[in-house]
Structures are given as structure tokens and as C-alpha cells.
Amino acid sequence: MAGAKAVPGRQEAIDLFERIRQLSFDGVGVSRESYGPTETAALGALVDWAGRHGIAARTDPAANVVFSLAQAGDQAPIVCGSHVDSVPQGGNYDGLAGVIAGLLCLKRLKEEGVRLAHPLWVAGMRGEESAWFGKAYMGSGAILGKLKADDLALRNKRSGRTLAEAMASVGADVDSIAAGKPVPWVSGVRAYLELHIEQGPLMVARKWPTAIVSGIRGNIRHNLVRCIGEPGHSGAVPRWLRNDAVFAVSDLLMRLDEHWRVLLERGNDLVVTSGVMGTDPAEHAVSRIPGRVDFSFEVRSESTETLEEFYRVMRAECDEVARQRGVRFEFDRRIESAPATMDAQLVQLLLDTSAELSLPAEKIPSGAGHDAALFANAGIPSGMIFIRNENGSHNPAEAMEIDDFMAGVDVLYRSLPKVA
């Protein structure tokens, strides 16, 4: 992609990505803990870079950082941004690419003397990943006044600190967040734009360096579902007298897989995952019938109706498995995020800009969740640009090519003056 090499800021992007990678390298991948020291260090590096280029930075009441030019004006801003945290042992580009893209646009606007009808602000948001507290979109949720008392009571899976304690430790106004008060700057936002790596294989397979997101799947999840049966000696209890929690959970998952297959055949959008599962290490043994299995449950879809339908099916199948196998299921709090549709005018604007730059004018749904979903569902017109990324995401092997990234930055930059 020869054209991408001419987009201003290429080497600076390389250097900034590498600087933040070094700050958050954990020996395997990068770990930028939500509301933790490495997330704070990454934000600090971004603030330092911005300061060297005459870009102002301020911290909002939710401890997110908002960047802007001094002469931005008082019109309703376009906000561009993403999250700075990562999953444990994750990749360096998930989230961070969107913040760096916005900063490069601010720098280019300043250097080229461009004044937009709607000034650009860039949001470096905290706490998007659910890996730390079991809830996603904490930073953007706090911006929009969407966090509840139950959310603030969630505990970090490693340190045990509550989300409220962690947010307070980095300077957030927890009382305001608990009261459901949106941060002041969000009330007048004209549009929200987010550049992000694709976290699946589609763009690599189709050889698209960039694509435009049509919508974002919502999800329903339980971080902990517990199947409780009856432990016993593996050699002494016959099958018909067993209440085996492992076989019960296996039975449940096979039933759900069949429902999933049928719904897909009917044209529904749906993905189902149980990503955490295990017996109790304090008591499990080769010769012991498992009396307890803990597992997670997550379902994602672009359709609220499909989400709710599959959730009802899951609970009904739990009841049936419990009856047949002599077990019971216990559920922690249901956590959900609504599907989000990107603004049709912004989608078309981004597609048109892509075509003008001889890039693919292609739309793609997002299987992963993003902060853009919260802004869209809050009534703020939102759009997303995806960047091709090898090897998936949430792992150290993320491999975004810098030329693909710069092509996406150019789409973002050239789209900004078109936002009416």
C-alpha cells in the first residue's frame, strides 16, 4: 500500500506503539489493567506525546483523558477514541490503535492549519475490557452515566479491589459516577468515530486493509454459572445413581450447540461461548465423581430478540438437565449490553471516503463489542473503521500492519470535514 506510506505520522505511530508496548510488556504480551498502573502509564505516554506536539489534554471526572487543540472552538465536537486497557497477556493494538489514530489526526489538523466545523476531541478511555472486573465498557459507561451500584461493587479478579476503589485510586469522582451523572463534555457531542482492529479473520481472508462497521453485536453473559451435583467414588457409583456435574454441563452445552445450529440455519446472527470452566481444584481427583462445575456463559448477536430467545432456551435447558441428571444450576448476576447499529449517514460517509482513497468500500459487522456501541445506544451518531489484523485478538500475536493502520487513519482524517 504505497499510498499509506505518504500519510503523515507513520514513523511517529510506530514509535508510540512501541513505547507503550514497552511500558506494558508482561513477558508474554501486554497487560494494561483497567484502572491499574500500566493503563495509567500508557495514558501518561499519550499525554507526554500530545504535549510535545501542542495538543492539550485534560482528565474528566471518570479518569478518562480527552485531547484537543487549543483553538478548537465551541461548536459541538466530533469525538474520536477508544480504550487504552488490554486483556492480560493481550496484544498491543486492541483499543490503543484508535486513540493513536485520533492523536495523529489532531497533529495533522494543527500542522495543516485545518479548522473543522466541528472540532475534534480524542478520548483515551479506561476500562473497556471485561477481563479484569467481569464487566466491559466501564470507562465509556462512566462517561455516559450508565454504571450502577452493582457494577461499582464488582471485584478485580486478581487484586480483589472493587471497581469503585480502583476508579478512586486513579482520581475518578466515584460519587458522581455512582449517582449516574454523565461527564459534562459528553452532552454536546456531534458524532463519535472509532478506529479499531478487526478481531476476527474476515478482513484477512478477503484481503481488505480497511472496512467500515455496520453494527456491533450485543451480548448477555454470566461470569459464573455453578452446576452442583453429588460427589462420589468413581468406582462405586453406577451411572443410574450418579449426579455428575461434569456430564450435566457437557449435556447442557451439547443441547445449546444444537439450538445454535438451528438458529443459524434460520438466518439468525448468533455466537455462543463458554470460555471459563473447571472443577474445584481443592477437591477434584481422578477417582472422584465431580460434585461441582463452575463455568461462564456468553451469547452475542446483532439482534436483541435473538439474544433473549437463546437466553430463554439456555435457562429452560438448565431446568431440563437439572431434572434429568439430579443437579442444580446457580447463576451470578446477568450482565448485558445491547446491540448497536452504526449511524447510516456516517457509514456512507466513511464508505465514500474509502472509495475516494481507492480502499475497499466494504461494510462488516463487528462480532466484538466496542465503546462505540454505548455511544450509539445513547443516541450519539457513531461510526467505526476496522483495520485488518492477523492472528485474531486478545492474544500477543496481534499483527496489524502499519500501512493498513495509516490507511485507516487517512480515511478518518479525510472524513472529519464531511461531518455536517
Protein backbone atom coordinates (compact mmCIF):
# COMPACT_ATOMS: atom_id res chain seq x y z
CA MET A 1 0.00 0.00 0.00
CA ALA A 2 2.24 2.73 -1.32
CA GLY A 3 -0.28 5.47 -0.58
CA ALA A 4 -0.30 4.72 3.13
CA LYS A 5 3.44 5.40 3.34
CA ALA A 6 2.73 9.02 2.35
CA VAL A 7 0.20 9.59 5.14
CA PRO A 8 1.79 11.91 7.74
CA GLY A 9 2.75 10.41 11.09
CA ARG A 10 3.81 6.90 10.08
CA GLN A 11 7.10 6.77 12.00
CA GLU A 12 5.59 8.56 14.97
CA ALA A 13 2.87 5.93 15.13
CA ILE A 14 5.46 3.15 15.06
CA ASP A 15 7.44 4.80 17.85
CA LEU A 16 4.38 5.49 20.02
CA PHE A 17 3.06 1.94 19.68
CA GLU A 18 6.49 0.61 20.65
CA ARG A 19 6.86 2.99 23.61
CA ILE A 20 3.55 1.86 25.09
CA ARG A 21 4.29 -1.79 24.34
CA GLN A 22 7.48 -1.49 26.40
CA LEU A 23 5.59 0.13 29.29
CA SER A 24 3.05 -2.70 29.43
CA PHE A 25 5.02 -5.77 28.33
CA ASP A 26 4.46 -8.64 30.78
CA GLY A 27 6.97 -11.12 29.40
CA VAL A 28 4.45 -12.71 27.03
CA GLY A 29 2.17 -10.00 25.67
CA VAL A 30 0.92 -6.70 27.05
CA SER A 31 -1.17 -6.33 30.20
CA ARG A 32 -2.76 -2.92 30.74
CA GLU A 33 -5.01 -3.48 33.72
CA SER A 34 -8.24 -1.47 33.84
CA TYR A 35 -7.69 1.35 36.36
CA GLY A 36 -4.25 -0.10 37.11
CA PRO A 37 -0.66 1.18 36.88
CA THR A 38 0.07 0.02 33.34
CA GLU A 39 -3.11 1.57 31.93
CA THR A 40 -2.17 4.79 33.72
CA ALA A 41 1.38 4.60 32.33
CA ALA A 42 0.03 4.19 28.80
CA LEU A 43 -2.21 7.23 29.21
CA GLY A 44 0.78 9.12 30.58
CA ALA A 45 2.81 8.29 27.48
CA LEU A 46 -0.01 9.55 25.27
CA VAL A 47 -0.27 12.78 27.28
CA ASP A 48 3.51 13.30 27.01
CA TRP A 49 3.40 12.77 23.24
CA ALA A 50 0.46 15.15 22.88
CA GLY A 51 2.20 17.83 24.92
CA ARG A 52 5.26 17.71 22.68
CA HIS A 53 3.02 18.43 19.70
CA GLY A 54 0.96 21.24 21.19
CA ILE A 55 -2.11 19.12 21.89
CA ALA A 56 -3.96 19.83 25.13
CA ALA A 57 -5.00 17.02 27.48
CA ARG A 58 -7.49 17.05 30.34
CA THR A 59 -8.80 14.36 32.65
CA ASP A 60 -12.56 14.00 33.00
CA PRO A 61 -14.44 13.02 36.20
CA ALA A 62 -14.28 9.35 35.16
CA ALA A 63 -10.45 9.50 34.86
CA ASN A 64 -10.51 9.24 31.07
CA VAL A 65 -8.22 11.61 29.16
CA VAL A 66 -9.60 13.95 26.48
CA PHE A 67 -7.24 15.54 23.94
CA SER A 68 -7.96 18.62 21.82
CA LEU A 69 -6.35 21.57 20.08
CA ALA A 70 -6.25 24.88 21.93
CA GLN A 71 -8.07 26.72 19.12
CA ALA A 72 -10.75 24.07 18.79
CA GLY A 73 -13.73 26.43 19.15
CA ASP A 74 -17.04 25.88 20.91
CA GLN A 75 -19.06 24.01 18.30
CA ALA A 76 -20.36 20.51 19.06
CA PRO A 77 -17.27 18.29 18.83
CA ILE A 78 -16.59 15.11 16.93
CA VAL A 79 -15.12 12.65 19.42
CA CYS A 80 -12.70 10.03 18.18
CA GLY A 81 -11.23 7.48 20.53
CA SER A 82 -11.09 4.04 22.03
CA HIS A 83 -9.78 2.26 25.12
CA VAL A 84 -6.24 2.04 26.46
CA ASP A 85 -6.53 -1.07 28.65
CA SER A 86 -5.93 -4.61 27.39
CA VAL A 87 -6.72 -8.14 28.44
CA PRO A 88 -3.99 -9.97 30.41
CA GLN A 89 -1.21 -11.08 28.05
CA GLY A 90 -3.01 -9.42 25.16
CA GLY A 91 -1.95 -7.62 22.02
CA ASN A 92 -0.74 -4.05 21.71
CA TYR A 93 -3.20 -2.74 19.11
CA ASP A 94 -6.63 -3.61 20.54
CA GLY A 95 -8.06 -0.24 21.61
CA LEU A 96 -4.77 1.66 21.56
CA ALA A 97 -4.85 1.95 17.75
CA GLY A 98 -7.99 4.08 17.94
CA VAL A 99 -6.50 6.57 20.39
CA ILE A 100 -3.25 6.92 18.46
CA ALA A 101 -5.23 7.36 15.22
CA GLY A 102 -7.13 10.25 16.76
CA LEU A 103 -3.96 11.88 18.05
CA LEU A 104 -2.36 11.66 14.60
CA CYS A 105 -5.43 13.40 13.18
CA LEU A 106 -5.15 16.20 15.76
CA LYS A 107 -1.47 16.67 14.94
CA ARG A 108 -2.18 16.76 11.20
CA LEU A 109 -5.03 19.25 11.64
CA LYS A 110 -2.66 21.51 13.57
CA GLU A 111 0.19 21.21 11.08
CA GLU A 112 -2.03 21.76 8.03
CA GLY A 113 -3.95 24.61 9.66
CA VAL A 114 -7.33 22.97 9.11
CA ARG A 115 -10.29 24.31 11.10
CA LEU A 116 -13.20 21.91 11.25
CA ALA A 117 -16.84 22.96 11.55
CA HIS A 118 -16.98 20.53 14.46
CA PRO A 119 -13.68 20.43 16.39
CA LEU A 120 -12.04 17.08 17.00
CA TRP A 121 -11.63 15.72 20.52
CA VAL A 122 -9.86 12.44 21.16
CA ALA A 123 -10.91 10.28 24.12
CA GLY A 124 -8.41 7.89 25.67
CA MET A 125 -10.79 5.77 27.70
CA ARG A 126 -10.12 3.45 30.59
CA GLY A 127 -11.63 0.10 31.43
CA GLU A 128 -13.22 -1.36 28.29
CA GLU A 129 -12.10 -4.95 28.79
CA SER A 130 -14.23 -7.28 30.90
CA ALA A 131 -11.24 -9.48 31.80
CA TRP A 132 -10.42 -7.54 34.96
CA PHE A 133 -13.76 -6.87 36.68
CA GLY A 134 -16.15 -9.08 34.71
CA LYS A 135 -17.78 -6.07 33.05
CA ALA A 136 -16.96 -4.29 29.81
CA TYR A 137 -17.23 -0.59 28.87
CA MET A 138 -16.54 0.77 32.34
CA GLY A 139 -14.86 3.96 31.11
CA SER A 140 -17.41 4.80 28.44
CA GLY A 141 -20.19 3.66 30.78
CA ALA A 142 -18.99 6.16 33.37
CA ILE A 143 -18.83 8.88 30.70
CA LEU A 144 -22.47 8.28 29.86
CA GLY A 145 -23.69 7.83 33.44
CA LYS A 146 -24.52 4.16 32.90
CA LEU A 147 -22.65 2.44 35.76
CA LYS A 148 -24.80 1.04 38.57
CA ALA A 149 -24.07 0.30 42.23
CA ASP A 150 -23.73 -3.40 41.40
CA ASP A 151 -21.13 -2.55 38.77
CA LEU A 152 -19.08 -0.46 41.19
CA ALA A 153 -19.12 -3.35 43.68
CA LEU A 154 -17.56 -5.79 41.21
CA ARG A 155 -14.14 -7.03 42.31
CA ASN A 156 -10.92 -7.24 40.35
CA LYS A 157 -10.27 -10.90 39.58
CA ARG A 158 -6.64 -10.59 40.67
CA SER A 159 -6.40 -7.96 43.40
CA GLY A 160 -9.89 -8.25 44.89
CA ARG A 161 -10.35 -4.46 44.85
CA THR A 162 -13.80 -3.21 43.98
CA LEU A 163 -14.29 -1.23 40.80
CA ALA A 164 -15.18 1.80 42.93
CA GLU A 165 -11.88 1.51 44.81
CA ALA A 166 -9.91 1.07 41.61
CA MET A 167 -11.58 4.07 39.95
CA ALA A 168 -11.00 6.24 43.01
CA SER A 169 -7.33 5.25 43.05
CA VAL A 170 -6.80 6.91 39.65
CA GLY A 171 -8.72 10.06 40.56
CA ALA A 172 -12.24 9.33 39.33
CA ASP A 173 -15.18 11.05 41.03
CA VAL A 174 -16.85 7.86 42.24
CA ASP A 175 -19.71 9.68 43.97
CA SER A 176 -20.67 11.36 40.69
CA ILE A 177 -20.35 8.07 38.80
CA ALA A 178 -22.46 6.25 41.40
CA ALA A 179 -25.12 8.94 41.06
CA GLY A 180 -25.35 8.19 37.33
CA LYS A 181 -24.15 11.63 36.25
CA PRO A 182 -22.70 11.76 32.72
CA VAL A 183 -19.43 13.65 32.41
CA PRO A 184 -20.06 17.25 31.27
CA TRP A 185 -18.28 17.01 27.93
CA VAL A 186 -20.50 14.25 26.50
CA SER A 187 -23.70 16.32 26.44
CA GLY A 188 -22.87 18.19 23.23
CA VAL A 189 -21.09 15.57 21.13
CA ARG A 190 -21.99 15.73 17.42
CA ALA A 191 -20.60 12.31 16.47
CA TYR A 192 -18.39 9.52 17.77
CA LEU A 193 -15.87 7.80 15.48
CA GLU A 194 -13.69 4.85 16.47
CA LEU A 195 -10.87 3.17 14.57
CA HIS A 196 -10.20 -0.37 15.77
CA ILE A 197 -8.52 -3.54 14.62
CA GLU A 198 -10.81 -6.27 13.40
CA GLN A 199 -10.69 -9.06 15.98
CA GLY A 200 -11.71 -11.86 13.64
CA PRO A 201 -10.32 -13.35 10.40
CA LEU A 202 -12.71 -11.96 7.77
CA MET A 203 -10.70 -8.99 6.51
CA VAL A 204 -7.53 -11.04 6.26
CA ALA A 205 -9.39 -13.68 4.26
CA ARG A 206 -10.90 -11.08 1.94
CA LYS A 207 -7.68 -9.04 1.67
CA TRP A 208 -9.31 -5.83 2.91
CA PRO A 209 -6.87 -3.43 4.62
CA THR A 210 -9.79 -1.37 5.93
CA ALA A 211 -13.55 -1.78 6.21
CA ILE A 212 -16.49 0.11 7.68
CA VAL A 213 -18.55 -1.33 10.53
CA SER A 214 -22.30 -1.68 10.03
CA GLY A 215 -23.21 -2.68 13.58
CA ILE A 216 -21.94 -4.21 16.82
CA ARG A 217 -23.20 -7.38 18.43
CA GLY A 218 -24.70 -7.10 21.88
CA ASN A 219 -24.30 -9.80 24.48
CA ILE A 220 -25.78 -11.47 27.53
CA ARG A 221 -23.38 -13.17 29.91
CA HIS A 222 -22.95 -14.78 33.27
CA ASN A 223 -19.39 -14.73 34.54
CA LEU A 224 -20.21 -17.64 36.85
CA VAL A 225 -22.74 -20.43 36.47
CA ARG A 226 -22.38 -23.22 39.02
CA CYS A 227 -23.64 -26.75 38.43
CA ILE A 228 -23.98 -28.61 41.74
CA GLY A 229 -24.32 -32.37 41.74
CA GLU A 230 -23.14 -35.00 44.20
CA PRO A 231 -19.53 -36.16 44.58
CA GLY A 232 -18.79 -39.84 44.88
CA HIS A 233 -16.28 -42.63 44.36
CA SER A 234 -15.67 -43.19 40.65
CA GLY A 235 -15.66 -46.95 41.01
CA ALA A 236 -18.52 -47.43 43.45
CA VAL A 237 -21.41 -45.42 41.99
CA PRO A 238 -23.18 -46.77 38.86
CA ARG A 239 -24.33 -44.45 36.10
CA TRP A 240 -28.01 -44.53 37.07
CA LEU A 241 -27.23 -43.33 40.60
CA ARG A 242 -24.78 -40.60 39.62
CA ASN A 243 -25.40 -36.85 39.84
CA ASP A 244 -22.25 -35.97 37.89
CA ALA A 245 -21.78 -32.22 37.42
CA VAL A 246 -19.32 -32.61 34.52
CA PHE A 247 -21.64 -34.82 32.48
CA ALA A 248 -24.53 -32.46 33.28
CA VAL A 249 -22.64 -29.42 31.96
CA SER A 250 -21.49 -31.40 28.92
CA ASP A 251 -25.09 -32.39 28.24
CA LEU A 252 -26.18 -28.77 28.57
CA LEU A 253 -23.55 -27.50 26.14
CA MET A 254 -24.38 -30.12 23.52
CA ARG A 255 -28.06 -29.14 23.74
CA LEU A 256 -27.15 -25.46 23.35
CA ASP A 257 -24.91 -26.24 20.38
CA GLU A 258 -27.84 -27.88 18.61
CA HIS A 259 -30.11 -24.89 19.26
CA TRP A 260 -27.32 -22.62 17.98
CA ARG A 261 -27.04 -24.65 14.77
CA VAL A 262 -30.78 -24.45 14.15
CA LEU A 263 -30.91 -20.69 14.72
CA LEU A 264 -28.02 -20.16 12.29
CA GLU A 265 -29.82 -22.23 9.66
CA ARG A 266 -32.81 -19.93 10.08
CA GLY A 267 -30.63 -16.91 9.27
CA ASN A 268 -30.11 -15.59 12.79
CA ASP A 269 -26.85 -13.92 13.80
CA LEU A 270 -25.50 -15.72 16.89
CA VAL A 271 -22.30 -16.82 18.62
CA VAL A 272 -22.19 -18.79 21.88
CA THR A 273 -19.18 -19.27 24.16
CA SER A 274 -18.31 -20.90 27.48
CA GLY A 275 -14.78 -19.62 27.89
CA VAL A 276 -14.14 -20.43 31.55
CA MET A 277 -14.81 -23.87 33.01
CA GLY A 278 -13.49 -26.12 35.72
CA THR A 279 -13.98 -28.41 38.68
CA ASP A 280 -12.84 -27.31 42.13
CA PRO A 281 -9.04 -27.84 42.30
CA ALA A 282 -9.26 -28.18 46.07
CA GLU A 283 -11.25 -31.39 45.75
CA HIS A 284 -11.13 -32.78 42.22
CA ALA A 285 -9.34 -36.08 41.64
CA VAL A 286 -9.09 -38.80 39.01
CA SER A 287 -11.15 -41.17 41.17
CA ARG A 288 -13.81 -38.66 42.31
CA ILE A 289 -17.14 -38.04 40.58
CA PRO A 290 -17.29 -34.25 40.23
CA GLY A 291 -19.86 -32.66 42.50
CA ARG A 292 -19.41 -29.11 41.21
CA VAL A 293 -18.51 -27.42 37.94
CA ASP A 294 -18.14 -23.67 37.50
CA PHE A 295 -18.42 -22.19 34.02
CA SER A 296 -19.16 -18.98 32.17
CA PHE A 297 -21.89 -18.35 29.62
CA GLU A 298 -21.94 -15.74 26.88
CA VAL A 299 -24.16 -15.24 23.84
CA ARG A 300 -23.72 -12.47 21.24
CA SER A 301 -25.94 -11.27 18.41
CA GLU A 302 -26.81 -8.19 16.39
CA SER A 303 -30.45 -8.88 17.35
CA THR A 304 -31.90 -8.24 20.80
CA GLU A 305 -34.68 -10.70 20.01
CA THR A 306 -32.19 -13.46 19.18
CA LEU A 307 -30.24 -12.78 22.37
CA GLU A 308 -33.34 -13.03 24.53
CA GLU A 309 -34.63 -16.10 22.70
CA PHE A 310 -31.39 -18.00 23.18
CA TYR A 311 -31.13 -16.93 26.81
CA ARG A 312 -34.61 -18.33 27.47
CA VAL A 313 -33.60 -21.55 25.74
CA MET A 314 -30.48 -21.80 27.90
CA ARG A 315 -32.41 -21.39 31.15
CA ALA A 316 -35.04 -23.92 30.02
CA GLU A 317 -32.35 -26.45 29.12
CA CYS A 318 -30.70 -25.92 32.50
CA ASP A 319 -34.01 -26.82 34.14
CA GLU A 320 -34.35 -29.93 31.99
CA VAL A 321 -30.77 -31.12 32.57
CA ALA A 322 -31.20 -30.49 36.29
CA ARG A 323 -34.34 -32.64 36.32
CA GLN A 324 -32.83 -35.48 34.33
CA ARG A 325 -29.42 -35.60 35.99
CA GLY A 326 -30.20 -34.69 39.59
CA VAL A 327 -28.18 -31.48 39.66
CA ARG A 328 -29.00 -27.82 40.11
CA PHE A 329 -27.69 -24.65 38.47
CA GLU A 330 -26.90 -21.39 40.25
CA PHE A 331 -26.31 -18.13 38.37
CA ASP A 332 -24.47 -14.95 39.28
CA ARG A 333 -25.74 -11.57 38.07
CA ARG A 334 -26.81 -11.37 34.45
CA ILE A 335 -24.71 -8.79 32.58
CA GLU A 336 -25.78 -7.49 29.22
CA SER A 337 -25.02 -4.93 26.55
CA ALA A 338 -27.42 -4.02 23.78
CA PRO A 339 -26.59 -4.45 20.10
CA ALA A 340 -25.75 -1.20 18.35
CA THR A 341 -26.34 -0.02 14.79
CA MET A 342 -23.89 2.48 13.36
CA ASP A 343 -25.33 5.74 12.01
CA ALA A 344 -26.31 5.24 8.36
CA GLN A 345 -25.06 8.66 7.24
CA LEU A 346 -21.69 8.19 8.93
CA VAL A 347 -21.35 4.69 7.49
CA GLN A 348 -21.97 6.04 3.99
CA LEU A 349 -19.60 8.96 4.56
CA LEU A 350 -16.82 6.57 5.61
CA LEU A 351 -17.56 4.27 2.67
CA ASP A 352 -17.40 7.20 0.25
CA THR A 353 -14.09 8.38 1.71
CA SER A 354 -12.68 4.87 1.45
CA ALA A 355 -13.64 4.71 -2.22
CA GLU A 356 -12.04 8.11 -2.87
CA LEU A 357 -8.79 6.72 -1.44
CA SER A 358 -9.06 3.56 -3.59
CA LEU A 359 -9.65 1.48 -0.48
CA PRO A 360 -12.37 -1.19 -0.20
CA ALA A 361 -15.79 0.38 0.28
CA GLU A 362 -16.97 -2.62 2.25
CA LYS A 363 -19.22 -3.00 5.29
CA ILE A 364 -18.66 -5.57 8.01
CA PRO A 365 -20.50 -6.37 11.27
CA SER A 366 -18.47 -6.35 14.47
CA GLY A 367 -18.62 -9.54 16.47
CA ALA A 368 -16.68 -8.00 19.33
CA GLY A 369 -18.07 -5.23 21.49
CA HIS A 370 -16.70 -1.69 21.41
CA ASP A 371 -17.14 1.61 23.24
CA ALA A 372 -18.90 2.84 20.07
CA ALA A 373 -21.85 0.63 21.00
CA LEU A 374 -22.51 2.63 24.16
CA PHE A 375 -22.29 5.98 22.37
CA ALA A 376 -24.59 4.74 19.59
CA ASN A 377 -27.16 3.42 22.05
CA ALA A 378 -27.04 6.72 23.92
CA GLY A 379 -28.25 8.46 20.77
CA ILE A 380 -24.89 9.83 19.61
CA PRO A 381 -24.36 9.18 15.86
CA SER A 382 -21.46 6.73 15.70
CA GLY A 383 -19.24 5.12 13.10
CA MET A 384 -16.30 2.73 13.09
CA ILE A 385 -13.36 1.94 10.83
CA PHE A 386 -11.87 -1.54 11.06
CA ILE A 387 -8.21 -2.28 10.32
CA ARG A 388 -7.05 -5.67 9.08
CA ASN A 389 -5.30 -7.67 11.79
CA GLU A 390 -3.62 -11.06 11.56
CA ASN A 391 -3.86 -13.81 14.19
CA GLY A 392 -7.02 -12.65 15.92
CA SER A 393 -7.06 -10.54 19.07
CA HIS A 394 -6.86 -10.78 22.84
CA ASN A 395 -3.55 -12.56 22.36
CA PRO A 396 0.08 -11.46 21.97
CA ALA A 397 0.16 -12.43 18.29
CA GLU A 398 -1.99 -9.50 17.11
CA ALA A 399 -0.31 -8.33 13.90
CA MET A 400 -1.65 -5.10 12.45
CA GLU A 401 0.43 -3.80 9.54
CA ILE A 402 1.38 -0.16 9.99
CA ASP A 403 0.46 0.62 6.36
CA ASP A 404 -3.06 -0.71 6.94
CA PHE A 405 -3.28 1.42 10.08
CA MET A 406 -2.14 4.56 8.28
CA ALA A 407 -4.67 3.92 5.50
CA GLY A 408 -7.38 3.82 8.16
CA VAL A 409 -6.04 7.00 9.75
CA ASP A 410 -6.31 8.69 6.35
CA VAL A 411 -9.94 7.58 6.00
CA LEU A 412 -10.64 9.00 9.44
CA TYR A 413 -8.83 12.29 8.79
CA ARG A 414 -10.44 12.93 5.40
CA SER A 415 -13.89 12.11 6.76
CA LEU A 416 -13.77 14.68 9.56
CA PRO A 417 -14.52 17.78 7.41
CA LYS A 418 -17.52 15.99 5.88
CA VAL A 419 -19.38 15.63 9.18
CA ALA A 420 -22.12 18.25 8.94
